[in-house]
């Protein structure tokens, strides 16, 4: 699903289908809770967070919300993510299932730690 270009995360969420807006707000809240010092913006037409470098993105798709993290975070949590479709840098959280917000926070915190180690 491709939303029109937006300049803020609020605009992005407002442009999403009404049924998905609450879920997108949950992702935003979880990421902000895990990374309160992260800067929020739009990158690659998606909500984006930076903390000592690129941290996380999320986006609505037709049947899932994608959470995008730099490698190797997903590989390091492969066992916990075995119930989801994953790639090297993405996790697909199906829209028909409740989002595991604790897991989202854990992944974002792990990505933050990687960024801190890189700097």
C-alpha atoms as a PDB file:
ATOM      1  CA  UNK A   1       0.000   0.000   0.000  1.00  0.00           C
ATOM      2  CA  UNK A   2       1.450   3.317  -1.002  1.00  0.00           C
ATOM      3  CA  UNK A   3       0.275   6.383   0.878  1.00  0.00           C
ATOM      4  CA  UNK A   4       0.614   9.883  -0.537  1.00  0.00           C
ATOM      5  CA  UNK A   5       3.807  11.719   0.429  1.00  0.00           C
ATOM      6  CA  UNK A   6       3.636  13.159   3.937  1.00  0.00           C
ATOM      7  CA  UNK A   7       5.895  15.420   5.943  1.00  0.00           C
ATOM      8  CA  UNK A   8       5.122  14.286   9.491  1.00  0.00           C
ATOM      9  CA  UNK A   9       4.204  11.068  11.281  1.00  0.00           C
ATOM     10  CA  UNK A  10       0.839  12.588  12.207  1.00  0.00           C
ATOM     11  CA  UNK A  11       0.135  13.202   8.503  1.00  0.00           C
ATOM     12  CA  UNK A  12       1.249   9.660   7.640  1.00  0.00           C
ATOM     13  CA  UNK A  13      -1.124   8.114  10.185  1.00  0.00           C
ATOM     14  CA  UNK A  14      -3.988  10.380   9.070  1.00  0.00           C
ATOM     15  CA  UNK A  15      -3.429   9.339   5.434  1.00  0.00           C
ATOM     16  CA  UNK A  16      -3.597   5.616   6.296  1.00  0.00           C
ATOM     17  CA  UNK A  17      -6.848   3.659   6.064  1.00  0.00           C
ATOM     18  CA  UNK A  18      -9.060   4.452   9.049  1.00  0.00           C
ATOM     19  CA  UNK A  19      -9.013   0.828  10.240  1.00  0.00           C
ATOM     20  CA  UNK A  20      -5.193   0.859  10.520  1.00  0.00           C
ATOM     21  CA  UNK A  21      -4.679   4.205  12.253  1.00  0.00           C
ATOM     22  CA  UNK A  22      -4.974   2.843  15.787  1.00  0.00           C
ATOM     23  CA  UNK A  23      -2.414   0.135  15.051  1.00  0.00           C
ATOM     24  CA  UNK A  24      -0.016   2.694  13.565  1.00  0.00           C
ATOM     25  CA  UNK A  25      -0.414   4.839  16.684  1.00  0.00           C
ATOM     26  CA  UNK A  26       0.460   1.774  18.777  1.00  0.00           C
ATOM     27  CA  UNK A  27       3.708   1.309  16.815  1.00  0.00           C
ATOM     28  CA  UNK A  28       4.553   4.974  17.217  1.00  0.00           C
ATOM     29  CA  UNK A  29       3.873   4.883  20.969  1.00  0.00           C
ATOM     30  CA  UNK A  30       5.909   1.692  21.437  1.00  0.00           C
ATOM     31  CA  UNK A  31       8.901   3.058  19.513  1.00  0.00           C
ATOM     32  CA  UNK A  32       8.794   6.373  21.363  1.00  0.00           C
ATOM     33  CA  UNK A  33       8.566   4.553  24.713  1.00  0.00           C
ATOM     34  CA  UNK A  34      11.565   2.371  23.855  1.00  0.00           C
ATOM     35  CA  UNK A  35      13.589   5.230  22.381  1.00  0.00           C
ATOM     36  CA  UNK A  36      12.452   8.482  24.020  1.00  0.00           C
ATOM     37  CA  UNK A  37      15.525  10.379  22.794  1.00  0.00           C
ATOM     38  CA  UNK A  38      15.080   9.295  19.169  1.00  0.00           C
ATOM     39  CA  UNK A  39      14.239  11.952  16.600  1.00  0.00           C
ATOM     40  CA  UNK A  40      11.077  11.335  14.621  1.00  0.00           C
ATOM     41  CA  UNK A  41      10.549  12.149  10.967  1.00  0.00           C
ATOM     42  CA  UNK A  42       9.712  10.733   7.562  1.00  0.00           C
ATOM     43  CA  UNK A  43      12.255   8.815   5.477  1.00  0.00           C
ATOM     44  CA  UNK A  44      11.563   6.659   2.424  1.00  0.00           C
ATOM     45  CA  UNK A  45       7.929   7.863   2.777  1.00  0.00           C
ATOM     46  CA  UNK A  46       7.631   6.082   6.150  1.00  0.00           C
ATOM     47  CA  UNK A  47       7.760   7.130   9.803  1.00  0.00           C
ATOM     48  CA  UNK A  48      11.422   7.066  10.775  1.00  0.00           C
ATOM     49  CA  UNK A  49      13.357   7.255  14.028  1.00  0.00           C
ATOM     50  CA  UNK A  50      17.015   8.094  14.455  1.00  0.00           C
ATOM     51  CA  UNK A  51      19.152   7.673  17.511  1.00  0.00           C
ATOM     52  CA  UNK A  52      22.907   7.803  17.003  1.00  0.00           C
ATOM     53  CA  UNK A  53      22.160   6.792  13.419  1.00  0.00           C
ATOM     54  CA  UNK A  54      19.300   5.066  11.636  1.00  0.00           C
ATOM     55  CA  UNK A  55      17.126   3.264  14.162  1.00  0.00           C
ATOM     56  CA  UNK A  56      13.700   2.163  12.894  1.00  0.00           C
ATOM     57  CA  UNK A  57      10.951   2.695  10.352  1.00  0.00           C
ATOM     58  CA  UNK A  58       7.394   1.403  10.176  1.00  0.00           C
ATOM     59  CA  UNK A  59       4.841   1.347   7.382  1.00  0.00           C
ATOM     60  CA  UNK A  60       1.363   0.134   6.590  1.00  0.00           C
ATOM     61  CA  UNK A  61       1.074  -2.493   3.874  1.00  0.00           C
ATOM     62  CA  UNK A  62      -2.036  -4.205   2.517  1.00  0.00           C
ATOM     63  CA  UNK A  63      -2.094  -7.012   5.104  1.00  0.00           C
ATOM     64  CA  UNK A  64       0.555  -6.084   7.667  1.00  0.00           C
ATOM     65  CA  UNK A  65       2.530  -3.335   9.318  1.00  0.00           C
ATOM     66  CA  UNK A  66       6.214  -3.600   8.578  1.00  0.00           C
ATOM     67  CA  UNK A  67       8.827  -2.752  11.176  1.00  0.00           C
ATOM     68  CA  UNK A  68      12.201  -2.089   9.569  1.00  0.00           C
ATOM     69  CA  UNK A  69      15.459  -2.308  11.520  1.00  0.00           C
ATOM     70  CA  UNK A  70      19.091  -2.396  10.458  1.00  0.00           C
ATOM     71  CA  UNK A  71      20.784  -5.796  10.534  1.00  0.00           C
ATOM     72  CA  UNK A  72      21.674  -7.798  12.602  1.00  0.00           C
ATOM     73  CA  UNK A  73      18.840  -7.042  15.080  1.00  0.00           C
ATOM     74  CA  UNK A  74      16.279  -9.297  13.409  1.00  0.00           C
ATOM     75  CA  UNK A  75      18.719 -12.187  13.001  1.00  0.00           C
ATOM     76  CA  UNK A  76      19.645 -11.943  16.670  1.00  0.00           C
ATOM     77  CA  UNK A  77      15.970 -12.310  17.652  1.00  0.00           C
ATOM     78  CA  UNK A  78      15.057 -14.937  15.062  1.00  0.00           C
ATOM     79  CA  UNK A  79      13.633 -17.394  17.618  1.00  0.00           C
ATOM     80  CA  UNK A  80      11.251 -14.788  19.074  1.00  0.00           C
ATOM     81  CA  UNK A  81      10.215 -13.780  15.558  1.00  0.00           C
ATOM     82  CA  UNK A  82       9.585 -17.307  14.261  1.00  0.00           C
ATOM     83  CA  UNK A  83       5.810 -16.654  14.076  1.00  0.00           C
ATOM     84  CA  UNK A  84       6.288 -13.735  11.679  1.00  0.00           C
ATOM     85  CA  UNK A  85       7.486 -13.246   8.142  1.00  0.00           C
ATOM     86  CA  UNK A  86      10.933 -11.675   8.346  1.00  0.00           C
ATOM     87  CA  UNK A  87      13.692 -10.545   6.033  1.00  0.00           C
ATOM     88  CA  UNK A  88      17.167  -9.307   6.842  1.00  0.00           C
ATOM     89  CA  UNK A  89      15.741  -5.922   7.828  1.00  0.00           C
ATOM     90  CA  UNK A  90      11.938  -6.273   8.128  1.00  0.00           C
ATOM     91  CA  UNK A  91       9.280  -7.926  10.255  1.00  0.00           C
ATOM     92  CA  UNK A  92       5.702  -8.242   9.001  1.00  0.00           C
ATOM     93  CA  UNK A  93       3.118  -7.911  11.763  1.00  0.00           C
ATOM     94  CA  UNK A  94      -0.212  -9.112  10.307  1.00  0.00           C
ATOM     95  CA  UNK A  95      -3.109  -6.694  10.656  1.00  0.00           C
ATOM     96  CA  UNK A  96      -5.465  -9.458  11.786  1.00  0.00           C
ATOM     97  CA  UNK A  97      -3.309 -10.292  14.837  1.00  0.00           C
ATOM     98  CA  UNK A  98      -2.665  -8.198  17.906  1.00  0.00           C
ATOM     99  CA  UNK A  99       0.695  -6.444  17.763  1.00  0.00           C
ATOM    100  CA  UNK A 100       3.184  -7.691  20.397  1.00  0.00           C
ATOM    101  CA  UNK A 101       4.121  -4.213  21.585  1.00  0.00           C
ATOM    102  CA  UNK A 102       6.539  -5.577  24.195  1.00  0.00           C
ATOM    103  CA  UNK A 103       8.441  -7.324  21.415  1.00  0.00           C
ATOM    104  CA  UNK A 104       8.475  -4.165  19.291  1.00  0.00           C
ATOM    105  CA  UNK A 105       9.960  -2.239  22.229  1.00  0.00           C
ATOM    106  CA  UNK A 106      12.536  -4.968  22.861  1.00  0.00           C
ATOM    107  CA  UNK A 107      13.653  -4.906  19.214  1.00  0.00           C
ATOM    108  CA  UNK A 108      13.930  -1.109  19.153  1.00  0.00           C
ATOM    109  CA  UNK A 109      15.976  -1.157  22.371  1.00  0.00           C
ATOM    110  CA  UNK A 110      18.272  -3.795  20.866  1.00  0.00           C
ATOM    111  CA  UNK A 111      18.714  -1.629  17.767  1.00  0.00           C
ATOM    112  CA  UNK A 112      19.512   1.371  19.988  1.00  0.00           C
ATOM    113  CA  UNK A 113      22.183  -0.629  21.765  1.00  0.00           C
ATOM    114  CA  UNK A 114      23.738  -1.557  18.400  1.00  0.00           C
ATOM    115  CA  UNK A 115      23.811   2.115  17.404  1.00  0.00           C
ATOM    116  CA  UNK A 116      25.432   3.070  20.693  1.00  0.00           C
ATOM    117  CA  UNK A 117      28.095   0.395  20.166  1.00  0.00           C
ATOM    118  CA  UNK A 118      28.795   1.688  16.627  1.00  0.00           C
ATOM    119  CA  UNK A 119      29.410   5.255  17.799  1.00  0.00           C
END
